[in-house]
Amino acid sequence: MDYERIEKLVLKAKQNDKAAKEDIIKSFNPYILTISKNTHIYGYEFEDIKNECYKTVLCCKFFKG
């Protein structure tokens, strides 16, 4: 993972750049899919877990001003 690129995207995302947020999600997608496939929570389906992971990435502290 190119951390310098991620840092630049985070700075843009802090300024509400939607494309930057989408690029960050794409960068973390392989990790999110792996976590989602290996996590089993009663009452949650794969898509539910995957969406929670996306939500968590977008709510991370580096997006807060």
PDB file of N, CA and C in Angstrom:
ATOM      1  N   MET A   1       0.844  -1.171   0.000  1.00  0.00           N
ATOM      2  CA  MET A   1       0.000   0.000   0.000  1.00  0.00           C
ATOM      3  C   MET A   1       0.892   1.238   0.000  1.00  0.00           C
ATOM      4  N   ASP A   2       0.545   2.187  -0.830  1.00  0.00           N
ATOM      5  CA  ASP A   2       1.302   3.427  -0.962  1.00  0.00           C
ATOM      6  C   ASP A   2       0.802   4.430   0.087  1.00  0.00           C
ATOM      7  N   TYR A   3       1.518   4.498   1.214  1.00  0.00           N
ATOM      8  CA  TYR A   3       1.072   5.320   2.332  1.00  0.00           C
ATOM      9  C   TYR A   3       1.089   6.811   2.019  1.00  0.00           C
ATOM     10  N   GLU A   4       2.014   7.255   1.203  1.00  0.00           N
ATOM     11  CA  GLU A   4       2.046   8.677   0.832  1.00  0.00           C
ATOM     12  C   GLU A   4       0.793   9.048   0.053  1.00  0.00           C
ATOM     13  N   ARG A   5       0.379   8.149  -0.855  1.00  0.00           N
ATOM     14  CA  ARG A   5      -0.840   8.372  -1.629  1.00  0.00           C
ATOM     15  C   ARG A   5      -2.061   8.410  -0.710  1.00  0.00           C
ATOM     16  N   ILE A   6      -2.093   7.490   0.251  1.00  0.00           N
ATOM     17  CA  ILE A   6      -3.210   7.450   1.209  1.00  0.00           C
ATOM     18  C   ILE A   6      -3.252   8.743   2.022  1.00  0.00           C
ATOM     19  N   GLU A   7      -2.095   9.216   2.458  1.00  0.00           N
ATOM     20  CA  GLU A   7      -2.053  10.456   3.235  1.00  0.00           C
ATOM     21  C   GLU A   7      -2.580  11.638   2.424  1.00  0.00           C
ATOM     22  N   LYS A   8      -2.226  11.704   1.151  1.00  0.00           N
ATOM     23  CA  LYS A   8      -2.736  12.778   0.287  1.00  0.00           C
ATOM     24  C   LYS A   8      -4.244  12.660   0.112  1.00  0.00           C
ATOM     25  N   LEU A   9      -4.716  11.426  -0.052  1.00  0.00           N
ATOM     26  CA  LEU A   9      -6.155  11.219  -0.197  1.00  0.00           C
ATOM     27  C   LEU A   9      -6.899  11.604   1.080  1.00  0.00           C
ATOM     28  N   VAL A  10      -6.301  11.314   2.220  1.00  0.00           N
ATOM     29  CA  VAL A  10      -6.933  11.666   3.494  1.00  0.00           C
ATOM     30  C   VAL A  10      -7.058  13.182   3.623  1.00  0.00           C
ATOM     31  N   LEU A  11      -6.017  13.902   3.236  1.00  0.00           N
ATOM     32  CA  LEU A  11      -6.088  15.361   3.299  1.00  0.00           C
ATOM     33  C   LEU A  11      -7.204  15.894   2.400  1.00  0.00           C
ATOM     34  N   LYS A  12      -7.350  15.304   1.230  1.00  0.00           N
ATOM     35  CA  LYS A  12      -8.429  15.707   0.330  1.00  0.00           C
ATOM     36  C   LYS A  12      -9.793  15.310   0.903  1.00  0.00           C
ATOM     37  N   ALA A  13      -9.863  14.132   1.509  1.00  0.00           N
ATOM     38  CA  ALA A  13     -11.119  13.656   2.078  1.00  0.00           C
ATOM     39  C   ALA A  13     -11.574  14.542   3.230  1.00  0.00           C
ATOM     40  N   LYS A  14     -10.618  15.070   3.990  1.00  0.00           N
ATOM     41  CA  LYS A  14     -10.959  15.993   5.078  1.00  0.00           C
ATOM     42  C   LYS A  14     -11.633  17.254   4.555  1.00  0.00           C
ATOM     43  N   GLN A  15     -11.390  17.563   3.290  1.00  0.00           N
ATOM     44  CA  GLN A  15     -12.001  18.731   2.652  1.00  0.00           C
ATOM     45  C   GLN A  15     -13.263  18.325   1.877  1.00  0.00           C
ATOM     46  N   ASN A  16     -13.815  17.163   2.232  1.00  0.00           N
ATOM     47  CA  ASN A  16     -15.050  16.627   1.636  1.00  0.00           C
ATOM     48  C   ASN A  16     -14.930  16.301   0.161  1.00  0.00           C
ATOM     49  N   ASP A  17     -13.770  15.839  -0.266  1.00  0.00           N
ATOM     50  CA  ASP A  17     -13.578  15.402  -1.643  1.00  0.00           C
ATOM     51  C   ASP A  17     -14.108  13.972  -1.764  1.00  0.00           C
ATOM     52  N   LYS A  18     -15.247  13.822  -2.422  1.00  0.00           N
ATOM     53  CA  LYS A  18     -15.905  12.520  -2.541  1.00  0.00           C
ATOM     54  C   LYS A  18     -15.037  11.510  -3.296  1.00  0.00           C
ATOM     55  N   ALA A  19     -14.369  11.952  -4.333  1.00  0.00           N
ATOM     56  CA  ALA A  19     -13.511  11.060  -5.116  1.00  0.00           C
ATOM     57  C   ALA A  19     -12.364  10.518  -4.261  1.00  0.00           C
ATOM     58  N   ALA A  20     -11.824  11.336  -3.378  1.00  0.00           N
ATOM     59  CA  ALA A  20     -10.746  10.890  -2.494  1.00  0.00           C
ATOM     60  C   ALA A  20     -11.248   9.817  -1.535  1.00  0.00           C
ATOM     61  N   LYS A  21     -12.455   9.996  -1.012  1.00  0.00           N
ATOM     62  CA  LYS A  21     -13.029   9.000  -0.112  1.00  0.00           C
ATOM     63  C   LYS A  21     -13.234   7.680  -0.852  1.00  0.00           C
ATOM     64  N   GLU A  22     -13.694   7.753  -2.078  1.00  0.00           N
ATOM     65  CA  GLU A  22     -13.899   6.542  -2.874  1.00  0.00           C
ATOM     66  C   GLU A  22     -12.571   5.836  -3.149  1.00  0.00           C
ATOM     67  N   ASP A  23     -11.528   6.619  -3.412  1.00  0.00           N
ATOM     68  CA  ASP A  23     -10.205   6.030  -3.655  1.00  0.00           C
ATOM     69  C   ASP A  23      -9.660   5.347  -2.399  1.00  0.00           C
ATOM     70  N   ILE A  24      -9.927   5.929  -1.245  1.00  0.00           N
ATOM     71  CA  ILE A  24      -9.490   5.313   0.010  1.00  0.00           C
ATOM     72  C   ILE A  24     -10.208   3.986   0.202  1.00  0.00           C
ATOM     73  N   ILE A  25     -11.506   3.976  -0.057  1.00  0.00           N
ATOM     74  CA  ILE A  25     -12.278   2.735   0.055  1.00  0.00           C
ATOM     75  C   ILE A  25     -11.729   1.680  -0.897  1.00  0.00           C
ATOM     76  N   LYS A  26     -11.409   2.072  -2.120  1.00  0.00           N
ATOM     77  CA  LYS A  26     -10.846   1.123  -3.089  1.00  0.00           C
ATOM     78  C   LYS A  26      -9.502   0.584  -2.603  1.00  0.00           C
ATOM     79  N   SER A  27      -8.721   1.426  -1.968  1.00  0.00           N
ATOM     80  CA  SER A  27      -7.409   0.993  -1.468  1.00  0.00           C
ATOM     81  C   SER A  27      -7.540  -0.035  -0.353  1.00  0.00           C
ATOM     82  N   PHE A  28      -8.564   0.118   0.489  1.00  0.00           N
ATOM     83  CA  PHE A  28      -8.749  -0.786   1.611  1.00  0.00           C
ATOM     84  C   PHE A  28      -9.643  -1.971   1.272  1.00  0.00           C
ATOM     85  N   ASN A  29     -10.199  -2.008   0.070  1.00  0.00           N
ATOM     86  CA  ASN A  29     -11.143  -3.043  -0.315  1.00  0.00           C
ATOM     87  C   ASN A  29     -10.602  -4.472  -0.127  1.00  0.00           C
ATOM     88  N   PRO A  30      -9.364  -4.782  -0.528  1.00  0.00           N
ATOM     89  CA  PRO A  30      -8.881  -6.158  -0.305  1.00  0.00           C
ATOM     90  C   PRO A  30      -8.875  -6.556   1.169  1.00  0.00           C
ATOM     91  N   TYR A  31      -8.505  -5.633   2.039  1.00  0.00           N
ATOM     92  CA  TYR A  31      -8.489  -5.909   3.471  1.00  0.00           C
ATOM     93  C   TYR A  31      -9.905  -6.099   3.995  1.00  0.00           C
ATOM     94  N   ILE A  32     -10.811  -5.249   3.534  1.00  0.00           N
ATOM     95  CA  ILE A  32     -12.204  -5.323   3.966  1.00  0.00           C
ATOM     96  C   ILE A  32     -12.828  -6.646   3.541  1.00  0.00           C
ATOM     97  N   LEU A  33     -12.551  -7.075   2.323  1.00  0.00           N
ATOM     98  CA  LEU A  33     -13.108  -8.342   1.862  1.00  0.00           C
ATOM     99  C   LEU A  33     -12.574  -9.511   2.676  1.00  0.00           C
ATOM    100  N   THR A  34     -11.295  -9.500   2.986  1.00  0.00           N
ATOM    101  CA  THR A  34     -10.696 -10.570   3.790  1.00  0.00           C
ATOM    102  C   THR A  34     -11.315 -10.616   5.181  1.00  0.00           C
ATOM    103  N   ILE A  35     -11.436  -9.462   5.802  1.00  0.00           N
ATOM    104  CA  ILE A  35     -12.029  -9.404   7.141  1.00  0.00           C
ATOM    105  C   ILE A  35     -13.473  -9.877   7.090  1.00  0.00           C
ATOM    106  N   SER A  36     -14.212  -9.427   6.093  1.00  0.00           N
ATOM    107  CA  SER A  36     -15.624  -9.778   5.978  1.00  0.00           C
ATOM    108  C   SER A  36     -15.827 -11.279   5.773  1.00  0.00           C
ATOM    109  N   LYS A  37     -14.951 -11.889   4.981  1.00  0.00           N
ATOM    110  CA  LYS A  37     -15.062 -13.334   4.727  1.00  0.00           C
ATOM    111  C   LYS A  37     -14.731 -14.154   5.971  1.00  0.00           C
ATOM    112  N   ASN A  38     -13.841 -13.649   6.809  1.00  0.00           N
ATOM    113  CA  ASN A  38     -13.374 -14.408   7.970  1.00  0.00           C
ATOM    114  C   ASN A  38     -14.097 -14.060   9.262  1.00  0.00           C
ATOM    115  N   THR A  39     -15.096 -13.201   9.196  1.00  0.00           N
ATOM    116  CA  THR A  39     -15.830 -12.784  10.380  1.00  0.00           C
ATOM    117  C   THR A  39     -17.233 -13.367  10.338  1.00  0.00           C
ATOM    118  N   HIS A  40     -17.631 -13.976  11.428  1.00  0.00           N
ATOM    119  CA  HIS A  40     -18.970 -14.560  11.516  1.00  0.00           C
ATOM    120  C   HIS A  40     -19.662 -13.996  12.752  1.00  0.00           C
ATOM    121  N   ILE A  41     -20.726 -13.252  12.524  1.00  0.00           N
ATOM    122  CA  ILE A  41     -21.510 -12.677  13.607  1.00  0.00           C
ATOM    123  C   ILE A  41     -22.948 -13.127  13.395  1.00  0.00           C
ATOM    124  N   TYR A  42     -23.520 -13.711  14.410  1.00  0.00           N
ATOM    125  CA  TYR A  42     -24.882 -14.209  14.307  1.00  0.00           C
ATOM    126  C   TYR A  42     -25.826 -13.063  13.908  1.00  0.00           C
ATOM    127  N   GLY A  43     -26.609 -13.289  12.872  1.00  0.00           N
ATOM    128  CA  GLY A  43     -27.573 -12.297  12.413  1.00  0.00           C
ATOM    129  C   GLY A  43     -27.031 -11.355  11.344  1.00  0.00           C
ATOM    130  N   TYR A  44     -25.748 -11.443  11.055  1.00  0.00           N
ATOM    131  CA  TYR A  44     -25.132 -10.602  10.036  1.00  0.00           C
ATOM    132  C   TYR A  44     -24.738 -11.459   8.837  1.00  0.00           C
ATOM    133  N   GLU A  45     -25.005 -10.939   7.673  1.00  0.00           N
ATOM    134  CA  GLU A  45     -24.561 -11.594   6.454  1.00  0.00           C
ATOM    135  C   GLU A  45     -23.261 -10.938   5.988  1.00  0.00           C
ATOM    136  N   PHE A  46     -22.638 -11.546   5.000  1.00  0.00           N
ATOM    137  CA  PHE A  46     -21.371 -11.042   4.457  1.00  0.00           C
ATOM    138  C   PHE A  46     -21.477  -9.564   4.086  1.00  0.00           C
ATOM    139  N   GLU A  47     -22.538  -9.190   3.378  1.00  0.00           N
ATOM    140  CA  GLU A  47     -22.705  -7.799   2.934  1.00  0.00           C
ATOM    141  C   GLU A  47     -22.852  -6.846   4.115  1.00  0.00           C
ATOM    142  N   ASP A  48     -23.526  -7.287   5.174  1.00  0.00           N
ATOM    143  CA  ASP A  48     -23.676  -6.459   6.376  1.00  0.00           C
ATOM    144  C   ASP A  48     -22.319  -6.156   7.003  1.00  0.00           C
ATOM    145  N   ILE A  49     -21.519  -7.198   7.127  1.00  0.00           N
ATOM    146  CA  ILE A  49     -20.191  -7.031   7.734  1.00  0.00           C
ATOM    147  C   ILE A  49     -19.319  -6.144   6.852  1.00  0.00           C
ATOM    148  N   LYS A  50     -19.379  -6.369   5.551  1.00  0.00           N
ATOM    149  CA  LYS A  50     -18.594  -5.566   4.610  1.00  0.00           C
ATOM    150  C   LYS A  50     -18.986  -4.089   4.714  1.00  0.00           C
ATOM    151  N   ASN A  51     -20.275  -3.807   4.777  1.00  0.00           N
ATOM    152  CA  ASN A  51     -20.730  -2.420   4.889  1.00  0.00           C
ATOM    153  C   ASN A  51     -20.307  -1.787   6.208  1.00  0.00           C
ATOM    154  N   GLU A  52     -20.308  -2.571   7.282  1.00  0.00           N
ATOM    155  CA  GLU A  52     -19.828  -2.051   8.562  1.00  0.00           C
ATOM    156  C   GLU A  52     -18.346  -1.699   8.487  1.00  0.00           C
ATOM    157  N   CYS A  53     -17.581  -2.497   7.760  1.00  0.00           N
ATOM    158  CA  CYS A  53     -16.148  -2.206   7.576  1.00  0.00           C
ATOM    159  C   CYS A  53     -15.961  -0.902   6.801  1.00  0.00           C
ATOM    160  N   TYR A  54     -16.729  -0.731   5.734  1.00  0.00           N
ATOM    161  CA  TYR A  54     -16.644   0.517   4.966  1.00  0.00           C
ATOM    162  C   TYR A  54     -16.995   1.712   5.846  1.00  0.00           C
ATOM    163  N   LYS A  55     -18.042   1.560   6.626  1.00  0.00           N
ATOM    164  CA  LYS A  55     -18.475   2.640   7.517  1.00  0.00           C
ATOM    165  C   LYS A  55     -17.375   2.988   8.519  1.00  0.00           C
ATOM    166  N   THR A  56     -16.719   1.946   9.030  1.00  0.00           N
ATOM    167  CA  THR A  56     -15.655   2.156  10.001  1.00  0.00           C
ATOM    168  C   THR A  56     -14.481   2.906   9.379  1.00  0.00           C
ATOM    169  N   VAL A  57     -14.109   2.545   8.161  1.00  0.00           N
ATOM    170  CA  VAL A  57     -13.011   3.246   7.483  1.00  0.00           C
ATOM    171  C   VAL A  57     -13.363   4.726   7.309  1.00  0.00           C
ATOM    172  N   LEU A  58     -14.593   5.001   6.911  1.00  0.00           N
ATOM    173  CA  LEU A  58     -14.986   6.395   6.684  1.00  0.00           C
ATOM    174  C   LEU A  58     -15.150   7.184   7.966  1.00  0.00           C
ATOM    175  N   CYS A  59     -15.349   6.495   9.088  1.00  0.00           N
ATOM    176  CA  CYS A  59     -15.516   7.182  10.366  1.00  0.00           C
ATOM    177  C   CYS A  59     -14.212   7.267  11.160  1.00  0.00           C
ATOM    178  N   CYS A  60     -13.134   6.759  10.599  1.00  0.00           N
ATOM    179  CA  CYS A  60     -11.849   6.770  11.298  1.00  0.00           C
ATOM    180  C   CYS A  60     -11.448   8.182  11.676  1.00  0.00           C
ATOM    181  N   LYS A  61     -10.621   8.265  12.661  1.00  0.00           N
ATOM    182  CA  LYS A  61     -10.200   9.538  13.200  1.00  0.00           C
ATOM    183  C   LYS A  61      -9.534  10.438  12.172  1.00  0.00           C
ATOM    184  N   PHE A  62      -8.876   9.851  11.151  1.00  0.00           N
ATOM    185  CA  PHE A  62      -8.177  10.717  10.192  1.00  0.00           C
ATOM    186  C   PHE A  62      -9.131  11.486   9.306  1.00  0.00           C
ATOM    187  N   PHE A  63     -10.438  11.203   9.358  1.00  0.00           N
ATOM    188  CA  PHE A  63     -11.396  11.993   8.595  1.00  0.00           C
ATOM    189  C   PHE A  63     -11.963  13.136   9.412  1.00  0.00           C
ATOM    190  N   LYS A  64     -11.756  13.105  10.694  1.00  0.00           N
ATOM    191  CA  LYS A  64     -12.276  14.172  11.562  1.00  0.00           C
ATOM    192  C   LYS A  64     -11.362  15.389  11.462  1.00  0.00           C
ATOM    193  N   GLY A  65     -11.961  16.542  11.391  1.00  0.00           N
ATOM    194  CA  GLY A  65     -11.215  17.773  11.244  1.00  0.00           C
ATOM    195  C   GLY A  65     -10.460  18.103  12.477  1.00  0.00           C
TER     196      GLY A  65
END
